[in-house]
Amino acid sequence: MSMNDAIEQSLVRIRPYLQVDGGDVELVKVTEDGIVEVRLTGSCASCPMSLMTLRAGIERALMLDHEGVIRVEQVR
């Protein structure tokens, strides 16, 4: 399984928590140096708490699931 596929499987597990509030996350890219780029959509895109969601929710979950992930970045 590729790193992209593994990250996507983890995001499938995270998505319901975002979708309940009208938001979502989509995987954009995983770089060779372990940076995961994601796009927050729906209500998450404009939410003032999106940085906390990104760091404390998405980044933490992905880092726990995948030792090669060193950071998650939001792209627009």
N, C-alpha and C. Protein backbone atom coordinates (compact mmCIF):
# COMPACT_ATOMS: atom_id res chain seq x y z
N MET A 1 0.85 -1.19 0.00
CA MET A 1 0.00 0.00 0.00
C MET A 1 0.89 1.24 0.00
N SER A 2 0.57 2.18 -0.86
CA SER A 2 1.35 3.41 -0.94
C SER A 2 1.04 4.32 0.26
N MET A 3 1.93 5.26 0.49
CA MET A 3 1.72 6.21 1.59
C MET A 3 0.45 7.02 1.35
N ASN A 4 0.19 7.42 0.11
CA ASN A 4 -1.04 8.17 -0.20
C ASN A 4 -2.28 7.36 0.17
N ASP A 5 -2.28 6.07 -0.18
CA ASP A 5 -3.42 5.21 0.14
C ASP A 5 -3.60 5.06 1.64
N ALA A 6 -2.48 4.89 2.35
CA ALA A 6 -2.54 4.74 3.80
C ALA A 6 -3.07 6.02 4.47
N ILE A 7 -2.60 7.18 4.01
CA ILE A 7 -3.08 8.45 4.55
C ILE A 7 -4.56 8.62 4.24
N GLU A 8 -4.96 8.28 3.03
CA GLU A 8 -6.37 8.40 2.65
C GLU A 8 -7.25 7.52 3.54
N GLN A 9 -6.79 6.33 3.89
CA GLN A 9 -7.55 5.46 4.79
C GLN A 9 -7.71 6.11 6.17
N SER A 10 -6.67 6.75 6.64
CA SER A 10 -6.76 7.45 7.93
C SER A 10 -7.74 8.62 7.84
N LEU A 11 -7.73 9.34 6.73
CA LEU A 11 -8.65 10.46 6.56
C LEU A 11 -10.10 9.99 6.51
N VAL A 12 -10.34 8.81 5.97
CA VAL A 12 -11.69 8.24 5.95
C VAL A 12 -12.21 8.08 7.38
N ARG A 13 -11.33 7.72 8.28
CA ARG A 13 -11.70 7.57 9.69
C ARG A 13 -11.97 8.92 10.37
N ILE A 14 -11.26 9.95 9.94
CA ILE A 14 -11.38 11.29 10.53
C ILE A 14 -12.58 12.06 9.98
N ARG A 15 -12.89 11.85 8.71
CA ARG A 15 -13.92 12.62 8.01
C ARG A 15 -15.26 12.75 8.73
N PRO A 16 -15.81 11.70 9.29
CA PRO A 16 -17.14 11.84 9.93
C PRO A 16 -17.18 12.92 11.01
N TYR A 17 -16.09 13.13 11.70
CA TYR A 17 -16.04 14.16 12.75
C TYR A 17 -16.13 15.56 12.14
N LEU A 18 -15.58 15.72 10.96
CA LEU A 18 -15.64 17.01 10.27
C LEU A 18 -17.00 17.19 9.58
N GLN A 19 -17.49 16.12 9.00
CA GLN A 19 -18.73 16.19 8.25
C GLN A 19 -19.94 16.48 9.12
N VAL A 20 -19.89 16.09 10.38
CA VAL A 20 -21.02 16.36 11.26
C VAL A 20 -21.23 17.87 11.44
N ASP A 21 -20.18 18.65 11.25
CA ASP A 21 -20.27 20.10 11.34
C ASP A 21 -20.28 20.78 9.97
N GLY A 22 -20.47 20.00 8.92
CA GLY A 22 -20.55 20.58 7.58
C GLY A 22 -19.23 20.77 6.87
N GLY A 23 -18.17 20.17 7.38
CA GLY A 23 -16.86 20.32 6.77
C GLY A 23 -16.35 19.02 6.20
N ASP A 24 -15.14 19.07 5.68
CA ASP A 24 -14.50 17.87 5.14
C ASP A 24 -13.02 18.17 4.94
N VAL A 25 -12.27 17.13 4.62
CA VAL A 25 -10.84 17.26 4.33
C VAL A 25 -10.53 16.40 3.12
N GLU A 26 -9.66 16.91 2.26
CA GLU A 26 -9.23 16.11 1.12
C GLU A 26 -7.71 16.11 1.04
N LEU A 27 -7.16 14.98 0.71
CA LEU A 27 -5.72 14.84 0.56
C LEU A 27 -5.29 15.48 -0.75
N VAL A 28 -4.28 16.34 -0.67
CA VAL A 28 -3.73 16.97 -1.87
C VAL A 28 -2.45 16.25 -2.28
N LYS A 29 -1.54 16.08 -1.31
CA LYS A 29 -0.24 15.50 -1.66
C LYS A 29 0.48 15.07 -0.39
N VAL A 30 1.31 14.04 -0.53
CA VAL A 30 2.25 13.64 0.52
C VAL A 30 3.64 13.79 -0.07
N THR A 31 4.46 14.64 0.55
CA THR A 31 5.80 14.86 0.03
C THR A 31 6.74 13.77 0.50
N GLU A 32 7.88 13.66 -0.14
CA GLU A 32 8.88 12.65 0.21
C GLU A 32 9.45 12.86 1.60
N ASP A 33 9.41 14.11 2.09
CA ASP A 33 9.96 14.38 3.42
C ASP A 33 8.91 14.31 4.52
N GLY A 34 7.73 13.74 4.25
CA GLY A 34 6.76 13.47 5.30
C GLY A 34 5.77 14.57 5.59
N ILE A 35 5.64 15.51 4.69
CA ILE A 35 4.65 16.58 4.88
C ILE A 35 3.39 16.22 4.10
N VAL A 36 2.27 16.21 4.80
CA VAL A 36 0.99 15.89 4.19
C VAL A 36 0.26 17.20 3.93
N GLU A 37 -0.11 17.43 2.69
CA GLU A 37 -0.86 18.63 2.32
C GLU A 37 -2.33 18.25 2.16
N VAL A 38 -3.19 18.97 2.87
CA VAL A 38 -4.62 18.72 2.82
C VAL A 38 -5.36 20.01 2.53
N ARG A 39 -6.57 19.87 2.04
CA ARG A 39 -7.46 21.02 1.80
C ARG A 39 -8.70 20.82 2.65
N LEU A 40 -8.97 21.81 3.52
CA LEU A 40 -10.20 21.79 4.30
C LEU A 40 -11.30 22.39 3.45
N THR A 41 -12.46 21.75 3.43
CA THR A 41 -13.56 22.21 2.59
C THR A 41 -14.82 22.38 3.44
N GLY A 42 -15.85 22.90 2.80
CA GLY A 42 -17.12 23.13 3.50
C GLY A 42 -16.94 24.15 4.60
N SER A 43 -17.60 23.95 5.71
CA SER A 43 -17.53 24.92 6.80
C SER A 43 -16.15 24.97 7.43
N CYS A 44 -15.33 23.93 7.26
CA CYS A 44 -13.97 23.93 7.81
C CYS A 44 -13.08 24.96 7.12
N ALA A 45 -13.36 25.25 5.86
CA ALA A 45 -12.52 26.16 5.10
C ALA A 45 -12.52 27.57 5.67
N SER A 46 -13.64 27.99 6.24
CA SER A 46 -13.75 29.35 6.77
C SER A 46 -13.89 29.42 8.28
N CYS A 47 -13.78 28.30 8.94
CA CYS A 47 -13.96 28.25 10.39
C CYS A 47 -12.77 28.88 11.11
N PRO A 48 -13.01 29.72 12.12
CA PRO A 48 -11.91 30.31 12.87
C PRO A 48 -11.12 29.29 13.69
N MET A 49 -11.69 28.11 13.90
CA MET A 49 -11.00 27.07 14.66
C MET A 49 -10.31 26.04 13.76
N SER A 50 -10.22 26.33 12.46
CA SER A 50 -9.66 25.35 11.52
C SER A 50 -8.20 25.01 11.82
N LEU A 51 -7.42 25.95 12.32
CA LEU A 51 -6.03 25.65 12.65
C LEU A 51 -5.96 24.64 13.79
N MET A 52 -6.83 24.78 14.76
CA MET A 52 -6.86 23.82 15.87
C MET A 52 -7.30 22.45 15.36
N THR A 53 -8.29 22.43 14.48
CA THR A 53 -8.74 21.17 13.89
C THR A 53 -7.59 20.52 13.13
N LEU A 54 -6.85 21.32 12.39
CA LEU A 54 -5.74 20.80 11.60
C LEU A 54 -4.65 20.23 12.50
N ARG A 55 -4.23 20.96 13.50
CA ARG A 55 -3.11 20.54 14.36
C ARG A 55 -3.52 19.47 15.38
N ALA A 56 -4.54 19.76 16.17
CA ALA A 56 -4.91 18.87 17.27
C ALA A 56 -5.71 17.66 16.81
N GLY A 57 -6.35 17.77 15.67
CA GLY A 57 -7.17 16.67 15.17
C GLY A 57 -6.49 15.89 14.07
N ILE A 58 -6.40 16.51 12.91
CA ILE A 58 -5.91 15.81 11.71
C ILE A 58 -4.42 15.46 11.83
N GLU A 59 -3.59 16.45 12.16
CA GLU A 59 -2.16 16.20 12.23
C GLU A 59 -1.83 15.16 13.30
N ARG A 60 -2.43 15.31 14.44
CA ARG A 60 -2.16 14.36 15.54
C ARG A 60 -2.54 12.94 15.15
N ALA A 61 -3.71 12.78 14.54
CA ALA A 61 -4.17 11.45 14.14
C ALA A 61 -3.25 10.84 13.08
N LEU A 62 -2.86 11.65 12.09
CA LEU A 62 -2.00 11.12 11.04
C LEU A 62 -0.61 10.79 11.56
N MET A 63 -0.09 11.59 12.47
CA MET A 63 1.23 11.30 13.03
C MET A 63 1.21 10.04 13.89
N LEU A 64 0.11 9.80 14.59
CA LEU A 64 -0.02 8.58 15.38
C LEU A 64 -0.15 7.35 14.49
N ASP A 65 -0.85 7.49 13.38
CA ASP A 65 -1.08 6.37 12.46
C ASP A 65 0.12 6.06 11.57
N HIS A 66 0.94 7.08 11.27
CA HIS A 66 2.01 6.92 10.27
C HIS A 66 3.28 7.59 10.77
N GLU A 67 4.27 6.78 11.08
CA GLU A 67 5.50 7.35 11.65
C GLU A 67 6.27 8.22 10.67
N GLY A 68 6.02 8.10 9.38
CA GLY A 68 6.70 8.92 8.39
C GLY A 68 6.15 10.33 8.25
N VAL A 69 4.99 10.60 8.87
CA VAL A 69 4.38 11.94 8.78
C VAL A 69 5.01 12.84 9.83
N ILE A 70 5.56 13.96 9.38
CA ILE A 70 6.18 14.89 10.32
C ILE A 70 5.36 16.17 10.50
N ARG A 71 4.48 16.46 9.53
CA ARG A 71 3.67 17.68 9.63
C ARG A 71 2.52 17.60 8.63
N VAL A 72 1.43 18.29 8.97
CA VAL A 72 0.30 18.42 8.07
C VAL A 72 0.12 19.89 7.78
N GLU A 73 0.03 20.24 6.52
CA GLU A 73 -0.13 21.63 6.09
C GLU A 73 -1.44 21.79 5.33
N GLN A 74 -2.09 22.91 5.55
CA GLN A 74 -3.31 23.23 4.81
C GLN A 74 -2.94 24.02 3.55
N VAL A 75 -3.48 23.60 2.42
CA VAL A 75 -3.33 24.33 1.18
C VAL A 75 -4.71 24.77 0.72
N ARG A 76 -4.76 25.81 -0.07
CA ARG A 76 -6.05 26.32 -0.53
C ARG A 76 -6.27 26.01 -1.98
